Amino acid sequence: MKKAISGKTTFSLHEKLLQADLRPRFENMLEAFSRKDYSPYPMAALLDVTTNCNLNCPYCIDRYALHGGELTTERLLNLLDEFREIGVRSIVYFGGGEPLLHPGISTVLQKTRELEIDFAVNTNGILLNKYVEMIADTSSWTRISLDASSSDTYNRVHGLASGFLFDRICDSVERLCTQAKGTVGVSFVVMQENISDIYAAASRVKNLGCNFAQFKPKYDTTPEGKHLAYYSDADSSRITDELEQAKEIADSEFAVLTTGSLKTLLQRKDIAQGKRYTVCAAQQLVALVNPDGVYVCPNYRGVSSKRIGDIKRSSFREMWHSDRRKQVVSNLDPSRECATFHCLRHYTNVLVNSVAYAKRQGLPIEKYLVTLADELITDRLFL
């Protein structure tokens, strides 16, 4: 029987921060944050092992951060030791390139598991057939970018003239689902070219054995940043109808998920989210490490003014306590610089900043922590 999606693997990396064994550490971080002390180490990391990619998707959210090299296997293995020493509990082998292109990825994933660091893998699936057994045995959570329900749509949205990549990826996903110890699902970037594929894609991946299908919006990307691409009224209506149809096939073993940013667009809400806080708390919880540097946030990957260190030239400890990081974090004002995009970590920021305010005022914080737990667990951000 296919495993349910509510087992050991959590929907949100942040949910792990609220587990009983991490609660004291989380409260210590909140105490420091309330004093505007940003020295405590993160409990999770987003790790781009490479910026190389074997696709050239016109809608790629990281298109301006690609092809900048990769971290060596030796540096990655040493970095994992550093993460273990400072208490990083979870890693997502993330964007900025295709992680399975890294020549040492098997060694890196195996060591991650040996160090008992929980990890997830985001992949486009093209090379998944080479690593099915490795990922099935070690990864707690795997997400494959699919963006289509058929080979024709896949080739069209990825700018491919022809080919059978889609069918090969689906075969690999099915193999992974039959063997995986963790959670497996797909993501689907909703754009005008594939709206009519939404329900069909959810149905197809459910039949492959996936635990979830996650639908998210397209971003317009420039060298300066990323912004949500708006849908027309007609397209919004079509997307809503397709999603409602897809949700009808959800059950205890298969979830149809819609990101908060897509919901915001479809509901015609303000994408700025009313960011009234002036300090980003999320950067304290999760670190983004890229071959080009360490950045304050995934939304600013590749933006030089938000680069807080270089993991090739220094240890993670040195980078985290550097004057450069202090400067970038101090200058980052979400109410001003992040007002034009929908932030996946907005609720985290709202609640952590609320807790920090309560502590500065000498108020009891337990009710805030309960709210924080509820928000983070139900938000299902997959971060």
Protein backbone atom coordinates (compact mmCIF):
# COMPACT_ATOMS: atom_id res chain seq x y z
CA MET A 1 0.00 0.00 0.00
CA LYS A 2 1.22 3.49 -0.83
CA LYS A 3 2.36 5.39 2.24
CA ALA A 4 0.29 8.26 3.57
CA ILE A 5 1.69 11.76 3.39
CA SER A 6 1.37 12.54 7.07
CA GLY A 7 4.13 10.31 8.39
CA LYS A 8 7.64 11.18 9.57
CA THR A 9 8.30 13.68 6.79
CA THR A 10 6.78 17.07 7.58
CA PHE A 11 5.18 19.36 5.04
CA SER A 12 7.24 22.33 6.15
CA LEU A 13 10.86 22.51 7.15
CA HIS A 14 9.76 25.21 9.57
CA GLU A 15 7.40 22.74 11.20
CA LYS A 16 10.49 20.89 12.38
CA LEU A 17 11.55 23.99 14.29
CA LEU A 18 8.51 23.57 16.51
CA GLN A 19 9.11 19.93 17.40
CA ALA A 20 9.69 19.20 21.07
CA ASP A 21 13.43 18.53 20.83
CA LEU A 22 14.03 21.82 19.03
CA ARG A 23 11.69 24.00 21.06
CA PRO A 24 14.32 25.20 23.57
CA ARG A 25 16.68 26.16 20.78
CA PHE A 26 13.90 27.92 18.91
CA GLU A 27 13.01 29.91 22.02
CA ASN A 28 16.66 30.87 22.48
CA MET A 29 16.69 32.17 18.90
CA LEU A 30 13.54 34.17 19.61
CA GLU A 31 15.15 35.61 22.73
CA ALA A 32 18.20 36.71 20.73
CA PHE A 33 16.07 38.05 17.88
CA SER A 34 14.07 40.18 20.30
CA ARG A 35 17.40 41.85 21.22
CA LYS A 36 18.24 42.25 17.53
CA ASP A 37 21.02 39.73 17.99
CA TYR A 38 21.30 37.73 14.76
CA SER A 39 24.20 35.47 15.74
CA PRO A 40 22.37 32.17 16.50
CA TYR A 41 22.91 29.63 13.73
CA PRO A 42 20.14 28.58 11.35
CA MET A 43 18.37 25.29 11.89
CA ALA A 44 17.85 24.62 8.18
CA ALA A 45 19.67 25.30 4.93
CA LEU A 46 18.84 25.61 1.25
CA LEU A 47 21.89 24.29 -0.59
CA ASP A 48 22.55 24.86 -4.29
CA VAL A 49 25.29 22.37 -5.11
CA THR A 50 25.53 23.65 -8.69
CA THR A 51 24.26 26.48 -10.87
CA ASN A 52 24.45 24.35 -14.02
CA CYS A 53 21.24 23.11 -15.61
CA ASN A 54 20.30 20.76 -18.44
CA LEU A 55 17.20 22.76 -19.37
CA ASN A 56 16.76 26.36 -20.47
CA CYS A 57 13.22 27.06 -19.29
CA PRO A 58 12.05 30.53 -20.38
CA TYR A 59 10.13 30.90 -17.10
CA CYS A 60 12.98 29.80 -14.81
CA ILE A 61 12.89 31.79 -11.59
CA ASP A 62 16.69 31.55 -11.30
CA ARG A 63 17.62 32.15 -14.93
CA TYR A 64 19.97 35.04 -14.04
CA ALA A 65 21.80 32.96 -11.44
CA LEU A 66 22.56 29.95 -13.66
CA HIS A 67 25.85 28.69 -15.10
CA GLY A 68 28.05 30.23 -12.42
CA GLY A 69 29.87 27.03 -11.53
CA GLU A 70 29.44 24.60 -8.67
CA LEU A 71 30.81 23.76 -5.26
CA THR A 72 33.40 21.00 -5.26
CA THR A 73 32.51 17.68 -3.70
CA GLU A 74 35.25 18.20 -1.12
CA ARG A 75 33.85 21.60 -0.11
CA LEU A 76 30.33 20.20 0.12
CA LEU A 77 31.44 17.34 2.36
CA ASN A 78 33.30 19.75 4.63
CA LEU A 79 30.29 22.05 4.65
CA LEU A 80 28.09 19.17 5.80
CA ASP A 81 30.46 18.65 8.73
CA GLU A 82 30.14 22.35 9.54
CA PHE A 83 26.37 22.16 9.36
CA ARG A 84 26.36 19.19 11.71
CA GLU A 85 28.59 21.03 14.20
CA ILE A 86 26.42 24.15 14.33
CA GLY A 87 23.17 22.18 14.56
CA VAL A 88 21.62 22.44 11.10
CA ARG A 89 18.89 19.82 11.16
CA SER A 90 17.46 19.94 7.64
CA ILE A 91 18.77 20.63 4.14
CA VAL A 92 16.94 21.16 0.87
CA TYR A 93 19.06 20.48 -2.20
CA PHE A 94 17.39 23.32 -3.92
CA GLY A 95 17.30 25.55 -7.02
CA GLY A 96 19.87 27.69 -8.77
CA GLY A 97 20.62 24.72 -11.04
CA GLU A 98 19.90 20.99 -11.34
CA PRO A 99 21.39 19.21 -8.29
CA LEU A 100 21.63 15.82 -10.00
CA LEU A 101 24.09 17.32 -12.49
CA HIS A 102 26.70 17.59 -9.75
CA PRO A 103 29.28 14.80 -10.25
CA GLY A 104 29.52 14.11 -6.52
CA ILE A 105 25.82 14.21 -5.68
CA SER A 106 25.64 10.53 -4.62
CA THR A 107 28.51 11.00 -2.18
CA VAL A 108 26.97 14.21 -0.85
CA LEU A 109 23.51 12.71 -0.30
CA GLN A 110 24.95 9.62 1.35
CA LYS A 111 27.00 11.68 3.78
CA THR A 112 24.01 13.87 4.57
CA ARG A 113 22.12 10.78 5.64
CA GLU A 114 25.11 9.40 7.59
CA LEU A 115 25.27 12.65 9.56
CA GLU A 116 21.56 12.21 10.34
CA ILE A 117 20.66 15.50 8.70
CA ASP A 118 17.18 15.27 7.23
CA PHE A 119 17.12 16.36 3.59
CA ALA A 120 14.94 16.98 0.56
CA VAL A 121 15.75 17.05 -3.16
CA ASN A 122 14.25 19.34 -5.81
CA THR A 123 14.98 18.10 -9.34
CA ASN A 124 13.74 18.48 -12.89
CA GLY A 125 13.86 14.69 -13.11
CA ILE A 126 15.88 14.36 -16.30
CA LEU A 127 18.66 12.43 -14.52
CA LEU A 128 16.42 10.88 -11.90
CA ASN A 129 16.68 7.45 -13.54
CA LYS A 130 20.38 7.32 -12.54
CA TYR A 131 19.68 8.07 -8.88
CA VAL A 132 16.33 6.45 -8.11
CA GLU A 133 17.73 3.91 -5.64
CA MET A 134 19.97 6.45 -3.88
CA ILE A 135 17.22 9.05 -3.48
CA ALA A 136 14.59 6.46 -2.55
CA ASP A 137 16.80 5.18 0.27
CA THR A 138 18.03 8.51 1.66
CA SER A 139 15.74 11.46 0.86
CA SER A 140 12.89 12.32 3.21
CA TRP A 141 11.13 14.41 0.61
CA THR A 142 11.56 14.69 -3.16
CA ARG A 143 9.88 17.09 -5.56
CA ILE A 144 10.11 16.82 -9.34
CA SER A 145 9.34 19.81 -11.57
CA LEU A 146 6.95 18.59 -14.27
CA ASP A 147 4.76 21.51 -15.43
CA ALA A 148 2.75 19.38 -17.87
CA SER A 149 0.55 16.33 -18.29
CA SER A 150 1.82 15.27 -21.71
CA SER A 151 4.95 15.23 -23.79
CA ASP A 152 3.55 17.85 -26.19
CA THR A 153 2.87 20.37 -23.41
CA TYR A 154 6.17 19.58 -21.70
CA ASN A 155 8.14 20.29 -24.88
CA ARG A 156 6.17 23.47 -25.57
CA VAL A 157 6.58 25.08 -22.13
CA HIS A 158 10.26 24.09 -21.93
CA GLY A 159 11.06 25.42 -25.39
CA LEU A 160 11.97 22.00 -26.80
CA ALA A 161 11.37 21.20 -30.46
CA SER A 162 10.66 17.53 -29.78
CA GLY A 163 11.73 14.61 -27.63
CA PHE A 164 10.58 12.11 -25.06
CA LEU A 165 11.98 13.60 -21.85
CA PHE A 166 8.54 13.80 -20.27
CA ASP A 167 7.82 10.11 -20.65
CA ARG A 168 11.27 9.20 -19.31
CA ILE A 169 10.79 11.46 -16.29
CA CYS A 170 7.38 9.93 -15.57
CA ASP A 171 8.89 6.43 -15.71
CA SER A 172 11.56 7.50 -13.21
CA VAL A 173 8.98 9.11 -10.91
CA GLU A 174 6.93 5.93 -10.89
CA ARG A 175 10.02 3.86 -10.01
CA LEU A 176 10.88 6.29 -7.22
CA CYS A 177 7.37 6.17 -5.80
CA THR A 178 7.46 2.38 -5.54
CA GLN A 179 10.76 2.44 -3.61
CA ALA A 180 10.85 5.72 -1.67
CA LYS A 181 11.01 5.72 2.11
CA GLY A 182 10.03 9.40 2.13
CA THR A 183 7.48 11.65 0.44
CA VAL A 184 7.45 12.10 -3.35
CA GLY A 185 5.55 14.65 -5.42
CA VAL A 186 5.67 17.02 -8.36
CA SER A 187 5.47 20.76 -8.82
CA PHE A 188 3.64 22.51 -11.64
CA VAL A 189 4.24 26.14 -12.62
CA VAL A 190 0.91 27.44 -13.89
CA MET A 191 1.19 29.55 -17.04
CA GLN A 192 -1.08 30.32 -19.96
CA GLU A 193 0.41 27.48 -22.02
CA ASN A 194 -0.46 24.70 -19.58
CA ILE A 195 -3.65 25.75 -17.77
CA SER A 196 -5.66 23.02 -19.46
CA ASP A 197 -3.15 20.43 -18.15
CA ILE A 198 -3.73 21.11 -14.43
CA TYR A 199 -6.32 18.42 -13.72
CA ALA A 200 -4.74 15.95 -16.14
CA ALA A 201 -1.32 16.43 -14.51
CA ALA A 202 -2.71 15.84 -11.01
CA SER A 203 -4.50 12.71 -12.19
CA ARG A 204 -1.43 11.39 -13.98
CA VAL A 205 0.99 11.81 -11.07
CA LYS A 206 -1.50 10.32 -8.63
CA ASN A 207 -1.57 7.24 -10.84
CA LEU A 208 2.24 7.20 -10.83
CA GLY A 209 2.09 6.84 -7.04
CA CYS A 210 2.99 10.41 -5.98
CA ASN A 211 1.98 11.76 -2.60
CA PHE A 212 1.24 15.27 -3.84
CA ALA A 213 0.96 17.66 -6.77
CA GLN A 214 1.88 21.25 -5.95
CA PHE A 215 0.68 24.11 -8.17
CA LYS A 216 2.46 27.45 -8.09
CA PRO A 217 2.53 30.65 -10.18
CA LYS A 218 4.94 31.91 -12.77
CA TYR A 219 7.34 34.71 -11.87
CA ASP A 220 8.67 37.47 -14.09
CA THR A 221 12.41 37.48 -13.44
CA THR A 222 14.94 40.26 -13.97
CA PRO A 223 18.54 40.66 -12.77
CA GLU A 224 17.17 42.86 -9.96
CA GLY A 225 14.58 40.49 -8.60
CA LYS A 226 11.50 38.31 -9.10
CA HIS A 227 7.86 39.35 -9.31
CA LEU A 228 4.66 37.39 -9.68
CA ALA A 229 3.21 37.33 -13.19
CA TYR A 230 -0.48 38.28 -13.16
CA TYR A 231 -3.19 36.23 -14.87
CA SER A 232 -6.03 37.66 -16.92
CA ASP A 233 -9.55 37.32 -15.53
CA ALA A 234 -10.29 34.63 -18.11
CA ASP A 235 -7.15 32.66 -17.26
CA SER A 236 -7.80 32.99 -13.52
CA SER A 237 -11.25 31.51 -14.01
CA ARG A 238 -9.85 28.62 -16.05
CA ILE A 239 -7.13 27.94 -13.46
CA THR A 240 -9.66 27.97 -10.62
CA ASP A 241 -11.92 25.51 -12.45
CA GLU A 242 -9.01 23.15 -13.19
CA LEU A 243 -7.78 23.28 -9.59
CA GLU A 244 -11.25 22.57 -8.22
CA GLN A 245 -11.51 19.56 -10.51
CA ALA A 246 -8.05 18.39 -9.43
CA LYS A 247 -8.91 18.67 -5.74
CA GLU A 248 -11.75 16.21 -6.24
CA ILE A 249 -9.21 13.39 -6.68
CA ALA A 250 -7.33 14.24 -3.47
CA ASP A 251 -7.54 11.69 -0.67
CA SER A 252 -5.64 10.54 2.42
CA GLU A 253 -2.69 9.39 0.29
CA PHE A 254 -2.62 12.16 -2.34
CA ALA A 255 -2.75 15.91 -1.78
CA VAL A 256 -3.43 18.67 -4.31
CA LEU A 257 -1.60 21.72 -3.00
CA THR A 258 -1.85 25.35 -4.08
CA THR A 259 0.86 27.74 -2.90
CA GLY A 260 -0.11 30.89 -1.05
CA SER A 261 1.25 33.02 -3.88
CA LEU A 262 -1.01 31.34 -6.46
CA LYS A 263 -4.01 31.71 -4.16
CA THR A 264 -3.17 35.39 -3.76
CA LEU A 265 -3.17 35.94 -7.52
CA LEU A 266 -6.37 34.00 -8.12
CA GLN A 267 -8.16 35.86 -5.29
CA ARG A 268 -6.91 39.21 -6.57
CA LYS A 269 -5.36 40.05 -3.21
CA ASP A 270 -2.49 42.44 -2.57
CA ILE A 271 0.77 40.59 -3.30
CA ALA A 272 2.61 42.96 -0.95
CA GLN A 273 0.89 41.18 1.97
CA GLY A 274 1.03 44.35 4.07
CA LYS A 275 4.61 43.83 5.25
CA ARG A 276 4.81 46.19 8.21
CA TYR A 277 7.81 44.55 9.85
CA THR A 278 11.22 46.03 9.10
CA VAL A 279 13.41 43.03 9.96
CA CYS A 280 13.39 39.65 8.18
CA ALA A 281 13.24 36.85 10.73
CA ALA A 282 13.28 34.08 8.13
CA GLN A 283 16.90 34.76 7.22
CA GLN A 284 17.77 33.81 10.79
CA LEU A 285 16.08 30.42 10.50
CA VAL A 286 17.18 29.22 7.06
CA ALA A 287 20.44 29.85 5.19
CA LEU A 288 20.76 29.86 1.39
CA VAL A 289 24.13 28.62 0.14
CA ASN A 290 24.97 28.98 -3.54
CA PRO A 291 28.28 28.41 -5.40
CA ASP A 292 28.32 32.12 -6.17
CA GLY A 293 27.83 33.04 -2.52
CA VAL A 294 25.53 32.88 0.47
CA TYR A 295 22.42 35.01 0.10
CA VAL A 296 19.98 36.47 2.57
CA CYS A 297 16.97 34.98 0.77
CA PRO A 298 16.08 32.77 -2.24
CA ASN A 299 14.21 35.72 -3.76
CA TYR A 300 17.55 37.54 -3.98
CA ARG A 301 19.68 34.70 -5.29
CA GLY A 302 22.23 36.30 -7.63
CA VAL A 303 21.59 39.88 -6.40
CA SER A 304 24.99 41.19 -5.29
CA SER A 305 23.63 43.63 -2.69
CA LYS A 306 22.00 40.70 -0.84
CA ARG A 307 25.08 38.49 -0.88
CA ILE A 308 26.22 37.87 2.70
CA GLY A 309 29.29 35.71 2.20
CA ASP A 310 31.36 33.36 0.06
CA ILE A 311 31.41 29.76 1.21
CA LYS A 312 34.34 29.01 -1.08
CA ARG A 313 36.57 31.45 0.76
CA SER A 314 35.48 31.08 4.36
CA SER A 315 33.91 28.65 6.79
CA PHE A 316 30.20 28.93 7.44
CA ARG A 317 30.92 30.19 10.98
CA GLU A 318 33.15 32.98 9.66
CA MET A 319 30.60 33.98 7.05
CA TRP A 320 27.66 33.92 9.51
CA HIS A 321 29.43 36.20 11.99
CA SER A 322 31.03 38.47 9.39
CA ASP A 323 30.59 42.22 9.22
CA ARG A 324 29.24 41.77 5.70
CA ARG A 325 26.33 39.64 6.89
CA LYS A 326 25.55 42.09 9.69
CA GLN A 327 25.48 44.89 7.15
CA VAL A 328 23.20 43.09 4.69
CA VAL A 329 20.78 41.90 7.37
CA SER A 330 20.65 45.33 9.02
CA ASN A 331 19.95 47.03 5.69
CA LEU A 332 17.24 44.59 4.60
CA ASP A 333 13.87 46.24 5.26
CA PRO A 334 11.05 43.91 4.08
CA SER A 335 8.45 46.69 4.33
CA ARG A 336 10.38 48.57 1.66
CA GLU A 337 12.48 46.14 -0.37
CA CYS A 338 10.13 43.15 -0.37
CA ALA A 339 6.86 45.00 -0.82
CA THR A 340 6.43 44.13 -4.49
CA PHE A 341 6.42 40.32 -4.26
CA HIS A 342 4.61 37.60 -2.40
CA CYS A 343 6.95 36.13 0.21
CA LEU A 344 6.57 32.46 1.12
CA ARG A 345 7.90 33.26 4.59
CA HIS A 346 5.62 36.20 5.30
CA TYR A 347 3.63 34.53 8.10
CA THR A 348 6.84 33.32 9.69
CA ASN A 349 8.11 36.90 9.69
CA VAL A 350 4.85 38.32 11.03
CA LEU A 351 4.69 35.94 13.94
CA VAL A 352 8.37 35.89 14.89
CA ASN A 353 8.44 39.67 14.83
CA SER A 354 5.30 39.67 16.98
CA VAL A 355 6.97 37.37 19.50
CA ALA A 356 10.06 39.59 19.52
CA TYR A 357 7.89 42.64 20.18
CA ALA A 358 6.07 40.84 23.00
CA LYS A 359 9.36 39.89 24.64
CA ARG A 360 10.66 43.46 24.44
CA GLN A 361 7.46 44.59 26.14
CA GLY A 362 7.79 41.92 28.83
CA LEU A 363 4.57 40.18 27.72
CA PRO A 364 3.96 36.41 27.92
CA ILE A 365 4.80 34.79 24.59
CA GLU A 366 3.18 31.36 24.87
CA LYS A 367 0.06 32.41 22.95
CA TYR A 368 2.28 33.69 20.15
CA LEU A 369 4.18 30.43 19.97
CA VAL A 370 0.93 28.48 19.72
CA THR A 371 -0.20 30.73 16.89
CA LEU A 372 3.18 30.39 15.25
CA ALA A 373 2.92 26.61 15.36
CA ASP A 374 -0.57 26.67 13.85
CA GLU A 375 0.43 29.03 11.06
CA LEU A 376 3.58 27.17 10.10
CA ILE A 377 2.05 23.72 10.17
CA THR A 378 -1.02 24.66 8.12
CA ASP A 379 0.85 26.82 5.64
CA ARG A 380 2.54 23.79 3.98
CA LEU A 381 5.26 25.83 2.36
CA PHE A 382 7.59 22.95 1.52
CA LEU A 383 10.64 24.95 2.56
